[in-house]
Full PDB file with SEQRES, HELIX, SHEET, SSBOND, CRYST1, ORIGX, SCALE, CONECT and MASTER records, all heavy atoms in Angstrom:
SEQRES   1 A   39  SER TYR ALA HIS ILE SER ASP THR LYS TYR ILE SER SER          
SEQRES   2 A   39  LEU ALA GLU LYS ILE GLY PRO VAL ASP LEU LEU PHE HIS          
SEQRES   3 A   39  GLU THR THR TYR LEU GLU GLU HIS LYS SER MET ALA ALA          
HELIX    1 AA1 LEU A   14  ILE A   18  1                                   5    
HELIX    2 AA2 GLU A   32  HIS A   34  5                                   3    
HELIX    3 AA3 LYS A   35  ALA A   38  1                                   4    
SHEET    1 AA1 2 TYR A   2  ILE A   5  0                                        
SHEET    2 AA1 2 LEU A  23  HIS A  26  1                                        
CRYST1    1.000    1.000    1.000  90.00  90.00  90.00 P 1           1          
ORIGX1      1.000000  0.000000  0.000000        0.00000                         
ORIGX2      0.000000  1.000000  0.000000        0.00000                         
ORIGX3      0.000000  0.000000  1.000000        0.00000                         
SCALE1      1.000000  0.000000  0.000000        0.00000                         
SCALE2      0.000000  1.000000  0.000000        0.00000                         
SCALE3      0.000000  0.000000  1.000000        0.00000                         
ATOM      1  N   SER A   1     -49.998  23.259   2.887  1.00  0.00           N  
ATOM      2  CA  SER A   1     -51.256  22.590   3.194  1.00  0.00           C  
ATOM      3  C   SER A   1     -51.268  22.126   4.648  1.00  0.00           C  
ATOM      4  O   SER A   1     -50.228  21.807   5.226  1.00  0.00           O  
ATOM      5  CB  SER A   1     -51.478  21.384   2.263  1.00  0.00           C  
ATOM      6  OG  SER A   1     -50.358  20.507   2.308  1.00  0.00           O  
ATOM      7  N   TYR A   2     -52.465  22.102   5.215  1.00  0.00           N  
ATOM      8  CA  TYR A   2     -52.646  21.722   6.621  1.00  0.00           C  
ATOM      9  C   TYR A   2     -53.952  20.953   6.758  1.00  0.00           C  
ATOM     10  O   TYR A   2     -54.987  21.365   6.221  1.00  0.00           O  
ATOM     11  CB  TYR A   2     -52.696  22.973   7.508  1.00  0.00           C  
ATOM     12  CG  TYR A   2     -53.140  22.709   8.932  1.00  0.00           C  
ATOM     13  CD1 TYR A   2     -52.347  21.969   9.811  1.00  0.00           C  
ATOM     14  CD2 TYR A   2     -54.361  23.187   9.407  1.00  0.00           C  
ATOM     15  CE1 TYR A   2     -52.751  21.717  11.116  1.00  0.00           C  
ATOM     16  CE2 TYR A   2     -54.766  22.945  10.713  1.00  0.00           C  
ATOM     17  CZ  TYR A   2     -53.953  22.210  11.559  1.00  0.00           C  
ATOM     18  OH  TYR A   2     -54.369  21.955  12.848  1.00  0.00           O  
ATOM     19  N   ALA A   3     -53.908  19.848   7.468  1.00  0.00           N  
ATOM     20  CA  ALA A   3     -55.126  19.065   7.731  1.00  0.00           C  
ATOM     21  C   ALA A   3     -55.378  19.027   9.231  1.00  0.00           C  
ATOM     22  O   ALA A   3     -54.448  18.808  10.017  1.00  0.00           O  
ATOM     23  CB  ALA A   3     -54.989  17.662   7.186  1.00  0.00           C  
ATOM     24  N   HIS A   4     -56.630  19.231   9.609  1.00  0.00           N  
ATOM     25  CA  HIS A   4     -57.016  19.240  11.020  1.00  0.00           C  
ATOM     26  C   HIS A   4     -58.029  18.125  11.233  1.00  0.00           C  
ATOM     27  O   HIS A   4     -59.191  18.222  10.808  1.00  0.00           O  
ATOM     28  CB  HIS A   4     -57.639  20.597  11.388  1.00  0.00           C  
ATOM     29  CG  HIS A   4     -57.877  20.741  12.869  1.00  0.00           C  
ATOM     30  ND1 HIS A   4     -56.994  21.384  13.695  1.00  0.00           N  
ATOM     31  CD2 HIS A   4     -58.913  20.341  13.648  1.00  0.00           C  
ATOM     32  CE1 HIS A   4     -57.454  21.370  14.927  1.00  0.00           C  
ATOM     33  NE2 HIS A   4     -58.622  20.736  14.926  1.00  0.00           N  
ATOM     34  N   ILE A   5     -57.579  17.072  11.894  1.00  0.00           N  
ATOM     35  CA  ILE A   5     -58.441  15.914  12.153  1.00  0.00           C  
ATOM     36  C   ILE A   5     -58.705  15.838  13.637  1.00  0.00           C  
ATOM     37  O   ILE A   5     -57.869  15.404  14.434  1.00  0.00           O  
ATOM     38  CB  ILE A   5     -57.777  14.618  11.645  1.00  0.00           C  
ATOM     39  CG1 ILE A   5     -57.411  14.739  10.164  1.00  0.00           C  
ATOM     40  CG2 ILE A   5     -58.713  13.433  11.894  1.00  0.00           C  
ATOM     41  CD1 ILE A   5     -58.578  15.041   9.251  1.00  0.00           C  
ATOM     42  N   SER A   6     -59.896  16.260  14.031  1.00  0.00           N  
ATOM     43  CA  SER A   6     -60.264  16.287  15.435  1.00  0.00           C  
ATOM     44  C   SER A   6     -60.879  14.949  15.827  1.00  0.00           C  
ATOM     45  O   SER A   6     -60.568  13.918  15.242  1.00  0.00           O  
ATOM     46  CB  SER A   6     -61.211  17.445  15.691  1.00  0.00           C  
ATOM     47  OG  SER A   6     -61.461  17.615  17.057  1.00  0.00           O  
ATOM     48  N   ASP A   7     -61.773  14.943  16.791  1.00  0.00           N  
ATOM     49  CA  ASP A   7     -62.279  13.734  17.420  1.00  0.00           C  
ATOM     50  C   ASP A   7     -62.776  12.696  16.406  1.00  0.00           C  
ATOM     51  O   ASP A   7     -63.737  12.948  15.663  1.00  0.00           O  
ATOM     52  CB  ASP A   7     -63.436  14.079  18.358  1.00  0.00           C  
ATOM     53  CG  ASP A   7     -63.024  15.078  19.428  1.00  0.00           C  
ATOM     54  OD1 ASP A   7     -62.049  15.815  19.206  1.00  0.00           O  
ATOM     55  OD2 ASP A   7     -63.676  15.119  20.487  1.00  0.00           O  
ATOM     56  N   THR A   8     -62.146  11.533  16.417  1.00  0.00           N  
ATOM     57  CA  THR A   8     -62.544  10.472  15.499  1.00  0.00           C  
ATOM     58  C   THR A   8     -61.932   9.144  15.895  1.00  0.00           C  
ATOM     59  O   THR A   8     -60.849   9.092  16.483  1.00  0.00           O  
ATOM     60  CB  THR A   8     -62.127  10.785  14.046  1.00  0.00           C  
ATOM     61  OG1 THR A   8     -62.638   9.757  13.176  1.00  0.00           O  
ATOM     62  CG2 THR A   8     -60.615  10.843  13.903  1.00  0.00           C  
ATOM     63  N   LYS A   9     -62.640   8.069  15.592  1.00  0.00           N  
ATOM     64  CA  LYS A   9     -62.050   6.741  15.638  1.00  0.00           C  
ATOM     65  C   LYS A   9     -60.982   6.671  14.542  1.00  0.00           C  
ATOM     66  O   LYS A   9     -60.983   7.439  13.592  1.00  0.00           O  
ATOM     67  CB  LYS A   9     -63.094   5.660  15.371  1.00  0.00           C  
ATOM     68  CG  LYS A   9     -64.201   5.544  16.386  1.00  0.00           C  
ATOM     69  CD  LYS A   9     -65.166   4.434  15.960  1.00  0.00           C  
ATOM     70  CE  LYS A   9     -66.366   4.329  16.882  1.00  0.00           C  
ATOM     71  NZ  LYS A   9     -67.301   3.270  16.429  1.00  0.00           N  
ATOM     72  N   TYR A  10     -60.103   5.684  14.665  1.00  0.00           N  
ATOM     73  CA  TYR A  10     -59.136   5.449  13.601  1.00  0.00           C  
ATOM     74  C   TYR A  10     -59.863   4.988  12.337  1.00  0.00           C  
ATOM     75  O   TYR A  10     -60.716   4.098  12.390  1.00  0.00           O  
ATOM     76  CB  TYR A  10     -58.121   4.380  14.017  1.00  0.00           C  
ATOM     77  CG  TYR A  10     -57.235   3.916  12.883  1.00  0.00           C  
ATOM     78  CD1 TYR A  10     -56.329   4.779  12.297  1.00  0.00           C  
ATOM     79  CD2 TYR A  10     -57.342   2.608  12.397  1.00  0.00           C  
ATOM     80  CE1 TYR A  10     -55.520   4.360  11.239  1.00  0.00           C  
ATOM     81  CE2 TYR A  10     -56.539   2.178  11.351  1.00  0.00           C  
ATOM     82  CZ  TYR A  10     -55.635   3.048  10.771  1.00  0.00           C  
ATOM     83  OH  TYR A  10     -54.844   2.651   9.726  1.00  0.00           O  
ATOM     84  N   ILE A  11     -59.561   5.644  11.218  1.00  0.00           N  
ATOM     85  CA  ILE A  11     -60.149   5.306   9.930  1.00  0.00           C  
ATOM     86  C   ILE A  11     -59.011   5.026   8.961  1.00  0.00           C  
ATOM     87  O   ILE A  11     -58.258   5.929   8.592  1.00  0.00           O  
ATOM     88  CB  ILE A  11     -61.031   6.453   9.378  1.00  0.00           C  
ATOM     89  CG1 ILE A  11     -62.072   6.893  10.415  1.00  0.00           C  
ATOM     90  CG2 ILE A  11     -61.694   6.044   8.077  1.00  0.00           C  
ATOM     91  CD1 ILE A  11     -62.848   8.142  10.003  1.00  0.00           C  
ATOM     92  N   SER A  12     -58.868   3.780   8.529  1.00  0.00           N  
ATOM     93  CA  SER A  12     -57.747   3.411   7.667  1.00  0.00           C  
ATOM     94  C   SER A  12     -57.786   4.127   6.328  1.00  0.00           C  
ATOM     95  O   SER A  12     -56.753   4.419   5.720  1.00  0.00           O  
ATOM     96  CB  SER A  12     -57.712   1.904   7.453  1.00  0.00           C  
ATOM     97  OG  SER A  12     -58.916   1.457   6.853  1.00  0.00           O  
ATOM     98  N   SER A  13     -58.993   4.434   5.831  1.00  0.00           N  
ATOM     99  CA  SER A  13     -59.142   5.089   4.524  1.00  0.00           C  
ATOM    100  C   SER A  13     -59.003   6.605   4.587  1.00  0.00           C  
ATOM    101  O   SER A  13     -59.044   7.273   3.559  1.00  0.00           O  
ATOM    102  CB  SER A  13     -60.497   4.733   3.918  1.00  0.00           C  
ATOM    103  OG  SER A  13     -61.556   5.187   4.762  1.00  0.00           O  
ATOM    104  N   LEU A  14     -58.849   7.147   5.803  1.00  0.00           N  
ATOM    105  CA  LEU A  14     -58.791   8.604   5.963  1.00  0.00           C  
ATOM    106  C   LEU A  14     -57.549   9.194   5.303  1.00  0.00           C  
ATOM    107  O   LEU A  14     -57.608  10.287   4.733  1.00  0.00           O  
ATOM    108  CB  LEU A  14     -58.821   8.959   7.448  1.00  0.00           C  
ATOM    109  CG  LEU A  14     -58.844  10.444   7.801  1.00  0.00           C  
ATOM    110  CD1 LEU A  14     -60.064  11.130   7.205  1.00  0.00           C  
ATOM    111  CD2 LEU A  14     -58.830  10.617   9.330  1.00  0.00           C  
ATOM    112  N   ALA A  15     -56.438   8.485   5.371  1.00  0.00           N  
ATOM    113  CA  ALA A  15     -55.170   9.008   4.832  1.00  0.00           C  
ATOM    114  C   ALA A  15     -55.301   9.376   3.362  1.00  0.00           C  
ATOM    115  O   ALA A  15     -54.820  10.428   2.927  1.00  0.00           O  
ATOM    116  CB  ALA A  15     -54.064   7.970   5.020  1.00  0.00           C  
ATOM    117  N   GLU A  16     -55.962   8.533   2.604  1.00  0.00           N  
ATOM    118  CA  GLU A  16     -56.126   8.788   1.172  1.00  0.00           C  
ATOM    119  C   GLU A  16     -56.970  10.033   0.937  1.00  0.00           C  
ATOM    120  O   GLU A  16     -56.726  10.780  -0.018  1.00  0.00           O  
ATOM    121  CB  GLU A  16     -56.779   7.571   0.507  1.00  0.00           C  
ATOM    122  CG  GLU A  16     -56.949   7.704  -1.001  1.00  0.00           C  
ATOM    123  CD  GLU A  16     -57.575   6.470  -1.627  1.00  0.00           C  
ATOM    124  OE1 GLU A  16     -57.704   5.451  -0.912  1.00  0.00           O  
ATOM    125  OE2 GLU A  16     -57.942   6.524  -2.803  1.00  0.00           O  
ATOM    126  N   LYS A  17     -57.950  10.271   1.783  1.00  0.00           N  
ATOM    127  CA  LYS A  17     -58.821  11.437   1.624  1.00  0.00           C  
ATOM    128  C   LYS A  17     -58.091  12.725   1.992  1.00  0.00           C  
ATOM    129  O   LYS A  17     -58.371  13.783   1.446  1.00  0.00           O  
ATOM    130  CB  LYS A  17     -60.076  11.275   2.479  1.00  0.00           C  
ATOM    131  CG  LYS A  17     -60.936  10.090   2.067  1.00  0.00           C  
ATOM    132  CD  LYS A  17     -62.108   9.891   3.011  1.00  0.00           C  
ATOM    133  CE  LYS A  17     -62.921   8.670   2.612  1.00  0.00           C  
ATOM    134  NZ  LYS A  17     -64.063   8.440   3.547  1.00  0.00           N  
ATOM    135  N   ILE A  18     -57.187  12.626   2.955  1.00  0.00           N  
ATOM    136  CA  ILE A  18     -56.401  13.813   3.349  1.00  0.00           C  
ATOM    137  C   ILE A  18     -55.379  14.133   2.295  1.00  0.00           C  
ATOM    138  O   ILE A  18     -55.257  15.264   1.826  1.00  0.00           O  
ATOM    139  CB  ILE A  18     -55.701  13.563   4.703  1.00  0.00           C  
ATOM    140  CG1 ILE A  18     -56.731  13.372   5.817  1.00  0.00           C  
ATOM    141  CG2 ILE A  18     -54.765  14.728   5.045  1.00  0.00           C  
ATOM    142  CD1 ILE A  18     -56.111  12.896   7.111  1.00  0.00           C  
ATOM    143  N   GLY A  19     -54.588  13.130   1.899  1.00  0.00           N  
ATOM    144  CA  GLY A  19     -53.523  13.328   0.934  1.00  0.00           C  
ATOM    145  C   GLY A  19     -52.294  13.949   1.576  1.00  0.00           C  
ATOM    146  O   GLY A  19     -52.301  14.291   2.764  1.00  0.00           O  
ATOM    147  N   PRO A  20     -51.214  14.096   0.822  1.00  0.00           N  
ATOM    148  CA  PRO A  20     -49.974  14.675   1.365  1.00  0.00           C  
ATOM    149  C   PRO A  20     -50.195  16.112   1.832  1.00  0.00           C  
ATOM    150  O   PRO A  20     -50.742  16.934   1.101  1.00  0.00           O  
ATOM    151  CB  PRO A  20     -49.019  14.639   0.150  1.00  0.00           C  
ATOM    152  CG  PRO A  20     -49.596  13.621  -0.764  1.00  0.00           C  
ATOM    153  CD  PRO A  20     -51.083  13.704  -0.591  1.00  0.00           C  
ATOM    154  N   VAL A  21     -49.815  16.397   3.052  1.00  0.00           N  
ATOM    155  CA  VAL A  21     -49.928  17.743   3.603  1.00  0.00           C  
ATOM    156  C   VAL A  21     -48.629  18.090   4.330  1.00  0.00           C  
ATOM    157  O   VAL A  21     -47.892  17.210   4.764  1.00  0.00           O  
ATOM    158  CB  VAL A  21     -51.120  17.876   4.583  1.00  0.00           C  
ATOM    159  CG1 VAL A  21     -52.452  17.821   3.839  1.00  0.00           C  
ATOM    160  CG2 VAL A  21     -51.068  16.798   5.662  1.00  0.00           C  
ATOM    161  N   ASP A  22     -48.371  19.382   4.459  1.00  0.00           N  
ATOM    162  CA  ASP A  22     -47.165  19.820   5.161  1.00  0.00           C  
ATOM    163  C   ASP A  22     -47.267  19.558   6.659  1.00  0.00           C  
ATOM    164  O   ASP A  22     -46.282  19.228   7.309  1.00  0.00           O  
ATOM    165  CB  ASP A  22     -46.923  21.309   4.912  1.00  0.00           C  
ATOM    166  CG  ASP A  22     -46.525  21.576   3.465  1.00  0.00           C  
ATOM    167  OD1 ASP A  22     -45.372  21.275   3.107  1.00  0.00           O  
ATOM    168  OD2 ASP A  22     -47.367  22.076   2.700  1.00  0.00           O  
ATOM    169  N   LEU A  23     -48.477  19.720   7.199  1.00  0.00           N  
ATOM    170  CA  LEU A  23     -48.686  19.507   8.627  1.00  0.00           C  
ATOM    171  C   LEU A  23     -50.047  18.860   8.845  1.00  0.00           C  
ATOM    172  O   LEU A  23     -51.051  19.318   8.287  1.00  0.00           O  
ATOM    173  CB  LEU A  23     -48.615  20.829   9.390  1.00  0.00           C  
ATOM    174  CG  LEU A  23     -48.831  20.760  10.903  1.00  0.00           C  
ATOM    175  CD1 LEU A  23     -47.706  19.967  11.578  1.00  0.00           C  
ATOM    176  CD2 LEU A  23     -48.908  22.166  11.503  1.00  0.00           C  
ATOM    177  N   LEU A  24     -50.064  17.804   9.632  1.00  0.00           N  
ATOM    178  CA  LEU A  24     -51.310  17.120   9.973  1.00  0.00           C  
ATOM    179  C   LEU A  24     -51.508  17.174  11.482  1.00  0.00           C  
ATOM    180  O   LEU A  24     -50.656  16.693  12.241  1.00  0.00           O  
ATOM    181  CB  LEU A  24     -51.258  15.660   9.523  1.00  0.00           C  
ATOM    182  CG  LEU A  24     -52.347  14.725  10.108  1.00  0.00           C  
ATOM    183  CD1 LEU A  24     -53.734  15.140   9.629  1.00  0.00           C  
ATOM    184  CD2 LEU A  24     -52.063  13.270   9.739  1.00  0.00           C  
ATOM    185  N   PHE A  25     -52.607  17.794  11.910  1.00  0.00           N  
ATOM    186  CA  PHE A  25     -53.042  17.632  13.306  1.00  0.00           C  
ATOM    187  C   PHE A  25     -54.021  16.481  13.334  1.00  0.00           C  
ATOM    188  O   PHE A  25     -55.031  16.493  12.619  1.00  0.00           O  
ATOM    189  CB  PHE A  25     -53.718  18.886  13.849  1.00  0.00           C  
ATOM    190  CG  PHE A  25     -54.408  18.629  15.176  1.00  0.00           C  
ATOM    191  CD1 PHE A  25     -53.689  18.616  16.355  1.00  0.00           C  
ATOM    192  CD2 PHE A  25     -55.771  18.338  15.215  1.00  0.00           C  
ATOM    193  CE1 PHE A  25     -54.316  18.327  17.559  1.00  0.00           C  
ATOM    194  CE2 PHE A  25     -56.397  18.055  16.417  1.00  0.00           C  
ATOM    195  CZ  PHE A  25     -55.666  18.052  17.598  1.00  0.00           C  
ATOM    196  N   HIS A  26     -53.705  15.483  14.127  1.00  0.00           N  
ATOM    197  CA  HIS A  26     -54.627  14.348  14.301  1.00  0.00           C  
ATOM    198  C   HIS A  26     -54.751  14.092  15.789  1.00  0.00           C  
ATOM    199  O   HIS A  26     -53.762  13.952  16.497  1.00  0.00           O  
ATOM    200  CB  HIS A  26     -54.090  13.102  13.602  1.00  0.00           C  
ATOM    201  CG  HIS A  26     -55.086  11.986  13.488  1.00  0.00           C  
ATOM    202  ND1 HIS A  26     -55.635  11.355  14.594  1.00  0.00           N  
ATOM    203  CD2 HIS A  26     -55.645  11.403  12.397  1.00  0.00           C  
ATOM    204  CE1 HIS A  26     -56.477  10.431  14.180  1.00  0.00           C  
ATOM    205  NE2 HIS A  26     -56.505  10.422  12.864  1.00  0.00           N  
ATOM    206  N   GLU A  27     -55.976  14.055  16.282  1.00  0.00           N  
ATOM    207  CA  GLU A  27     -56.184  13.838  17.702  1.00  0.00           C  
ATOM    208  C   GLU A  27     -55.454  12.578  18.194  1.00  0.00           C  
ATOM    209  O   GLU A  27     -55.398  11.565  17.496  1.00  0.00           O  
ATOM    210  CB  GLU A  27     -57.676  13.730  17.999  1.00  0.00           C  
ATOM    211  CG  GLU A  27     -58.340  12.461  17.473  1.00  0.00           C  
ATOM    212  CD  GLU A  27     -58.999  11.662  18.612  1.00  0.00           C  
ATOM    213  OE1 GLU A  27     -58.252  11.048  19.385  1.00  0.00           O  
ATOM    214  OE2 GLU A  27     -60.238  11.655  18.682  1.00  0.00           O  
ATOM    215  N   THR A  28     -54.909  12.679  19.410  1.00  0.00           N  
ATOM    216  CA  THR A  28     -54.240  11.547  20.059  1.00  0.00           C  
ATOM    217  C   THR A  28     -54.751  11.483  21.496  1.00  0.00           C  
ATOM    218  O   THR A  28     -54.026  11.770  22.450  1.00  0.00           O  
ATOM    219  CB  THR A  28     -52.709  11.731  20.043  1.00  0.00           C  
ATOM    220  OG1 THR A  28     -52.391  13.028  20.611  1.00  0.00           O  
ATOM    221  CG2 THR A  28     -52.162  11.686  18.638  1.00  0.00           C  
ATOM    222  N   THR A  29     -56.002  11.117  21.641  1.00  0.00           N  
ATOM    223  CA  THR A  29     -56.621  11.129  22.965  1.00  0.00           C  
ATOM    224  C   THR A  29     -56.039  10.063  23.879  1.00  0.00           C  
ATOM    225  O   THR A  29     -55.864  10.284  25.075  1.00  0.00           O  
ATOM    226  CB  THR A  29     -58.145  10.927  22.834  1.00  0.00           C  
ATOM    227  OG1 THR A  29     -58.687  11.936  21.975  1.00  0.00           O  
ATOM    228  CG2 THR A  29     -58.824  11.028  24.189  1.00  0.00           C  
ATOM    229  N   TYR A  30     -55.721   8.899  23.309  1.00  0.00           N  
ATOM    230  CA  TYR A  30     -55.263   7.771  24.116  1.00  0.00           C  
ATOM    231  C   TYR A  30     -53.918   7.247  23.634  1.00  0.00           C  
ATOM    232  O   TYR A  30     -53.522   7.466  22.485  1.00  0.00           O  
ATOM    233  CB  TYR A  30     -56.279   6.629  24.076  1.00  0.00           C  
ATOM    234  CG  TYR A  30     -57.590   6.940  24.755  1.00  0.00           C  
ATOM    235  CD1 TYR A  30     -58.697   7.359  24.026  1.00  0.00           C  
ATOM    236  CD2 TYR A  30     -57.714   6.813  26.135  1.00  0.00           C  
ATOM    237  CE1 TYR A  30     -59.914   7.643  24.645  1.00  0.00           C  
ATOM    238  CE2 TYR A  30     -58.924   7.097  26.770  1.00  0.00           C  
ATOM    239  CZ  TYR A  30     -60.013   7.520  26.013  1.00  0.00           C  
ATOM    240  OH  TYR A  30     -61.198   7.790  26.649  1.00  0.00           O  
ATOM    241  N   LEU A  31     -53.259   6.514  24.497  1.00  0.00           N  
ATOM    242  CA  LEU A  31     -52.093   5.731  24.124  1.00  0.00           C  
ATOM    243  C   LEU A  31     -52.568   4.321  23.743  1.00  0.00           C  
ATOM    244  O   LEU A  31     -53.679   3.918  24.070  1.00  0.00           O  
ATOM    245  CB  LEU A  31     -51.101   5.652  25.281  1.00  0.00           C  
ATOM    246  CG  LEU A  31     -50.433   6.983  25.677  1.00  0.00           C  
ATOM    247  CD1 LEU A  31     -49.615   6.800  26.946  1.00  0.00           C  
ATOM    248  CD2 LEU A  31     -49.551   7.505  24.537  1.00  0.00           C  
ATOM    249  N   GLU A  32     -51.712   3.604  23.072  1.00  0.00           N  
ATOM    250  CA  GLU A  32     -52.090   2.286  22.547  1.00  0.00           C  
ATOM    251  C   GLU A  32     -52.497   1.317  23.661  1.00  0.00           C  
ATOM    252  O   GLU A  32     -53.325   0.429  23.441  1.00  0.00           O  
ATOM    253  CB  GLU A  32     -50.916   1.715  21.748  1.00  0.00           C  
ATOM    254  CG  GLU A  32     -51.281   0.539  20.872  1.00  0.00           C  
ATOM    255  CD  GLU A  32     -52.195   0.878  19.695  1.00  0.00           C  
ATOM    256  OE1 GLU A  32     -52.397   2.087  19.425  1.00  0.00           O  
ATOM    257  OE2 GLU A  32     -52.711  -0.064  19.068  1.00  0.00           O  
ATOM    258  N   GLU A  33     -51.966   1.480  24.847  1.00  0.00           N  
ATOM    259  CA  GLU A  33     -52.321   0.580  25.949  1.00  0.00           C  
ATOM    260  C   GLU A  33     -53.791   0.698  26.338  1.00  0.00           C  
ATOM    261  O   GLU A  33     -54.355  -0.205  26.971  1.00  0.00           O  
ATOM    262  CB  GLU A  33     -51.442   0.858  27.169  1.00  0.00           C  
ATOM    263  CG  GLU A  33     -51.618   2.245  27.756  1.00  0.00           C  
ATOM    264  CD  GLU A  33     -50.721   2.482  28.969  1.00  0.00           C  
ATOM    265  OE1 GLU A  33     -50.910   1.782  29.980  1.00  0.00           O  
ATOM    266  OE2 GLU A  33     -49.852   3.360  28.887  1.00  0.00           O  
ATOM    267  N   HIS A  34     -54.428   1.809  25.957  1.00  0.00           N  
ATOM    268  CA  HIS A  34     -55.852   1.984  26.226  1.00  0.00           C  
ATOM    269  C   HIS A  34     -56.665   2.007  24.928  1.00  0.00           C  
ATOM    270  O   HIS A  34     -57.712   2.644  24.839  1.00  0.00           O  
ATOM    271  CB  HIS A  34     -56.077   3.291  27.002  1.00  0.00           C  
ATOM    272  CG  HIS A  34     -55.411   3.305  28.338  1.00  0.00           C  
ATOM    273  ND1 HIS A  34     -54.383   4.185  28.650  1.00  0.00           N  
ATOM    274  CD2 HIS A  34     -55.592   2.523  29.443  1.00  0.00           C  
ATOM    275  CE1 HIS A  34     -53.991   3.956  29.890  1.00  0.00           C  
ATOM    276  NE2 HIS A  34     -54.696   2.951  30.392  1.00  0.00           N  
ATOM    277  N   LYS A  35     -56.179   1.291  23.947  1.00  0.00           N  
ATOM    278  CA  LYS A  35     -56.831   1.227  22.640  1.00  0.00           C  
ATOM    279  C   LYS A  35     -58.269   0.757  22.742  1.00  0.00           C  
ATOM    280  O   LYS A  35     -59.152   1.216  22.006  1.00  0.00           O  
ATOM    281  CB  LYS A  35     -56.034   0.297  21.723  1.00  0.00           C  
ATOM    282  CG  LYS A  35     -56.597   0.137  20.323  1.00  0.00           C  
ATOM    283  CD  LYS A  35     -55.729  -0.801  19.501  1.00  0.00           C  
ATOM    284  CE  LYS A  35     -56.310  -1.030  18.118  1.00  0.00           C  
ATOM    285  NZ  LYS A  35     -55.439  -1.963  17.321  1.00  0.00           N  
ATOM    286  N   SER A  36     -58.547  -0.142  23.667  1.00  0.00           N  
ATOM    287  CA  SER A  36     -59.904  -0.679  23.827  1.00  0.00           C  
ATOM    288  C   SER A  36     -60.899   0.394  24.249  1.00  0.00           C  
ATOM    289  O   SER A  36     -62.109   0.237  24.058  1.00  0.00           O  
ATOM    290  CB  SER A  36     -59.921  -1.825  24.842  1.00  0.00           C  
ATOM    291  OG  SER A  36     -59.500  -1.358  26.112  1.00  0.00           O  
ATOM    292  N   MET A  37     -60.408   1.486  24.807  1.00  0.00           N  
ATOM    293  CA  MET A  37     -61.270   2.583  25.236  1.00  0.00           C  
ATOM    294  C   MET A  37     -61.477   3.595  24.117  1.00  0.00           C  
ATOM    295  O   MET A  37     -62.466   4.335  24.113  1.00  0.00           O  
ATOM    296  CB  MET A  37     -60.663   3.290  26.445  1.00  0.00           C  
ATOM    297  CG  MET A  37     -60.474   2.415  27.662  1.00  0.00           C  
ATOM    298  SD  MET A  37     -59.576   3.269  28.987  1.00  0.00           S  
ATOM    299  CE  MET A  37     -60.697   4.641  29.303  1.00  0.00           C  
ATOM    300  N   ALA A  38     -60.546   3.649  23.196  1.00  0.00           N  
ATOM    301  CA  ALA A  38     -60.553   4.697  22.176  1.00  0.00           C  
ATOM    302  C   ALA A  38     -61.747   4.592  21.229  1.00  0.00           C  
ATOM    303  O   ALA A  38     -62.539   5.536  21.089  1.00  0.00           O  
ATOM    304  CB  ALA A  38     -59.244   4.667  21.395  1.00  0.00           C  
ATOM    305  N   ALA A  39     -61.863   3.457  20.541  1.00  0.00           N  
ATOM    306  CA  ALA A  39     -62.908   3.328  19.523  1.00  0.00           C  
ATOM    307  C   ALA A  39     -64.324   3.507  20.061  1.00  0.00           C  
ATOM    308  O   ALA A  39     -65.124   4.243  19.470  1.00  0.00           O  
ATOM    309  CB  ALA A  39     -62.760   1.971  18.814  1.00  0.00           C  
TER     310      ALA A  39                                                      
MASTER        0    0    0    3    2    0    0    6  309    1    0    3          
END                                                                             
């Protein structure tokens, strides 16, 4: 199984909707130091 999560704000409930997968691509546009810019 593979999940592809492109451009999105962090969604805490998303993990449950994806479920266990062998590989997850999740966008990582920013580092935590620029968290205020991400959302």
